C-alpha atoms as a PDB file:
ATOM      1  CA  MET A   1      69.125  48.676 -29.782  1.00  0.00           C
ATOM      2  CA  PRO A   2      66.682  46.813 -27.550  1.00  0.00           C
ATOM      3  CA  LEU A   3      67.471  43.431 -26.200  1.00  0.00           C
ATOM      4  CA  ILE A   4      65.417  40.489 -27.757  1.00  0.00           C
ATOM      5  CA  THR A   5      65.113  37.279 -25.982  1.00  0.00           C
ATOM      6  CA  VAL A   6      65.661  34.341 -28.319  1.00  0.00           C
ATOM      7  CA  ALA A   7      65.160  31.577 -25.953  1.00  0.00           C
ATOM      8  CA  ASP A   8      64.335  30.855 -22.254  1.00  0.00           C
ATOM      9  CA  LEU A   9      64.644  27.207 -21.852  1.00  0.00           C
ATOM     10  CA  THR A  10      64.806  24.474 -19.277  1.00  0.00           C
ATOM     11  CA  LEU A  11      66.858  21.618 -20.501  1.00  0.00           C
ATOM     12  CA  LYS A  12      67.247  18.235 -18.888  1.00  0.00           C
ATOM     13  CA  ILE A  13      70.582  16.509 -19.915  1.00  0.00           C
ATOM     14  CA  PRO A  14      70.942  13.017 -18.633  1.00  0.00           C
ATOM     15  CA  ALA A  15      74.281  11.471 -17.325  1.00  0.00           C
ATOM     16  CA  LYS A  16      76.623  10.847 -20.524  1.00  0.00           C
ATOM     17  CA  GLY A  17      74.287  13.204 -22.621  1.00  0.00           C
ATOM     18  CA  GLU A  18      74.453  16.068 -24.885  1.00  0.00           C
ATOM     19  CA  GLU A  19      71.881  19.083 -25.989  1.00  0.00           C
ATOM     20  CA  ILE A  20      72.745  20.861 -29.186  1.00  0.00           C
ATOM     21  CA  LEU A  21      70.674  24.086 -30.101  1.00  0.00           C
ATOM     22  CA  TYR A  22      71.074  26.002 -33.223  1.00  0.00           C
ATOM     23  CA  TYR A  23      70.263  29.669 -33.823  1.00  0.00           C
ATOM     24  CA  GLY A  24      70.756  32.098 -36.556  1.00  0.00           C
ATOM     25  CA  PHE A  25      71.902  35.622 -36.002  1.00  0.00           C
ATOM     26  CA  ALA A  26      72.821  38.656 -38.183  1.00  0.00           C
ATOM     27  CA  GLN A  27      76.110  40.789 -38.654  1.00  0.00           C
ATOM     28  CA  GLY A  28      76.259  43.306 -35.898  1.00  0.00           C
ATOM     29  CA  ASP A  29      73.998  41.179 -33.529  1.00  0.00           C
ATOM     30  CA  GLU A  30      75.349  40.701 -29.856  1.00  0.00           C
ATOM     31  CA  ILE A  31      74.634  37.251 -28.066  1.00  0.00           C
ATOM     32  CA  LEU A  32      74.230  37.620 -24.463  1.00  0.00           C
ATOM     33  CA  PHE A  33      74.351  34.212 -22.975  1.00  0.00           C
ATOM     34  CA  SER A  34      73.750  33.006 -19.662  1.00  0.00           C
ATOM     35  CA  PHE A  35      72.867  29.392 -18.050  1.00  0.00           C
ATOM     36  CA  ARG A  36      72.539  27.778 -14.807  1.00  0.00           C
ATOM     37  CA  GLU A  37      72.841  24.454 -13.443  1.00  0.00           C
ATOM     38  CA  GLU A  38      69.618  24.213 -11.108  1.00  0.00           C
ATOM     39  CA  GLU A  39      70.770  21.137  -9.167  1.00  0.00           C
ATOM     40  CA  VAL A  40      74.377  22.672  -8.749  1.00  0.00           C
ATOM     41  CA  ARG A  41      76.119  19.998 -10.397  1.00  0.00           C
ATOM     42  CA  GLU A  42      78.736  20.691 -13.341  1.00  0.00           C
ATOM     43  CA  LEU A  43      78.304  20.199 -16.848  1.00  0.00           C
ATOM     44  CA  THR A  44      81.530  18.854 -18.614  1.00  0.00           C
ATOM     45  CA  GLU A  45      81.353  21.470 -21.281  1.00  0.00           C
ATOM     46  CA  VAL A  46      79.235  24.582 -22.336  1.00  0.00           C
ATOM     47  CA  ALA A  47      80.201  25.916 -25.679  1.00  0.00           C
ATOM     48  CA  VAL A  48      79.037  28.711 -28.205  1.00  0.00           C
ATOM     49  CA  GLU A  49      80.287  27.811 -31.797  1.00  0.00           C
ATOM     50  CA  GLU A  50      79.987  29.923 -34.996  1.00  0.00           C
ATOM     51  CA  TYR A  51      79.216  27.109 -37.515  1.00  0.00           C
ATOM     52  CA  PRO A  52      80.895  25.354 -38.938  1.00  0.00           C
ATOM     53  CA  GLY A  53      83.276  24.640 -35.940  1.00  0.00           C
ATOM     54  CA  ASN A  54      84.657  27.997 -35.078  1.00  0.00           C
ATOM     55  CA  THR A  55      84.496  28.087 -31.097  1.00  0.00           C
ATOM     56  CA  ARG A  56      83.805  31.460 -29.899  1.00  0.00           C
ATOM     57  CA  PHE A  57      83.119  30.503 -26.143  1.00  0.00           C
ATOM     58  CA  ALA A  58      83.750  27.248 -24.030  1.00  0.00           C
ATOM     59  CA  ASP A  59      83.840  26.592 -20.376  1.00  0.00           C
ATOM     60  CA  TYR A  60      84.500  23.327 -18.617  1.00  0.00           C
ATOM     61  CA  LYS A  61      83.391  21.876 -15.445  1.00  0.00           C
ATOM     62  CA  THR A  62      80.869  24.670 -15.039  1.00  0.00           C
ATOM     63  CA  ALA A  63      77.642  25.076 -13.048  1.00  0.00           C
ATOM     64  CA  GLY A  64      76.875  28.330 -14.740  1.00  0.00           C
ATOM     65  CA  VAL A  65      77.644  31.310 -16.966  1.00  0.00           C
ATOM     66  CA  LYS A  66      76.290  34.766 -16.548  1.00  0.00           C
ATOM     67  CA  ASN A  67      75.997  37.221 -19.157  1.00  0.00           C
ATOM     68  CA  LYS A  68      78.687  36.401 -21.557  1.00  0.00           C
ATOM     69  CA  SER A  69      78.919  38.762 -24.771  1.00  0.00           C
ATOM     70  CA  ILE A  70      79.611  37.438 -27.958  1.00  0.00           C
ATOM     71  CA  GLN A  71      79.799  39.791 -31.059  1.00  0.00           C
ATOM     72  CA  VAL A  72      78.500  38.435 -34.349  1.00  0.00           C
ATOM     73  CA  THR A  73      80.790  39.515 -37.094  1.00  0.00           C
ATOM     74  CA  LYS A  74      78.855  37.748 -40.045  1.00  0.00           C
ATOM     75  CA  LYS A  75      75.580  36.438 -40.684  1.00  0.00           C
ATOM     76  CA  GLY A  76      75.416  32.791 -39.850  1.00  0.00           C
ATOM     77  CA  VAL A  77      74.356  29.853 -37.579  1.00  0.00           C
ATOM     78  CA  TYR A  78      75.572  29.614 -33.910  1.00  0.00           C
ATOM     79  CA  VAL A  79      75.742  26.316 -32.133  1.00  0.00           C
ATOM     80  CA  PHE A  80      74.999  26.054 -28.322  1.00  0.00           C
ATOM     81  CA  ARG A  81      76.490  22.976 -27.126  1.00  0.00           C
ATOM     82  CA  PHE A  82      75.777  21.434 -23.453  1.00  0.00           C
ATOM     83  CA  ASN A  83      77.599  18.126 -22.614  1.00  0.00           C
ATOM     84  CA  ASN A  84      77.222  16.114 -19.323  1.00  0.00           C
ATOM     85  CA  LYS A  85      79.727  13.457 -20.025  1.00  0.00           C
ATOM     86  CA  MET A  86      80.100  12.811 -16.143  1.00  0.00           C
ATOM     87  CA  LEU A  87      78.978   9.466 -14.819  1.00  0.00           C
ATOM     88  CA  LEU A  88      76.208   9.202 -12.068  1.00  0.00           C
ATOM     89  CA  LYS A  89      77.753   8.790  -8.514  1.00  0.00           C
ATOM     90  CA  GLY A  90      76.397   6.219  -6.229  1.00  0.00           C
ATOM     91  CA  ARG A  91      74.477   3.311  -7.677  1.00  0.00           C
END
């Protein structure tokens, strides 16, 4: 089956901020998830959840994830959560 790009985004997540994205997938789909922090800082948490509340992938204090494969076992909404709960250093 050919790959279909669902999203190719650049997000700006401020200190103590969070970004949440929602996407629907069909049974049998495969999610291939990658992200990288452009400023080489770590995000506090990156997670992919099968709504409601079934975490399928989570990584903590990370600056990137490459080609994480998640099998969709039933039709549903998937939540992509990016948390930056770190305080700014310096000022």
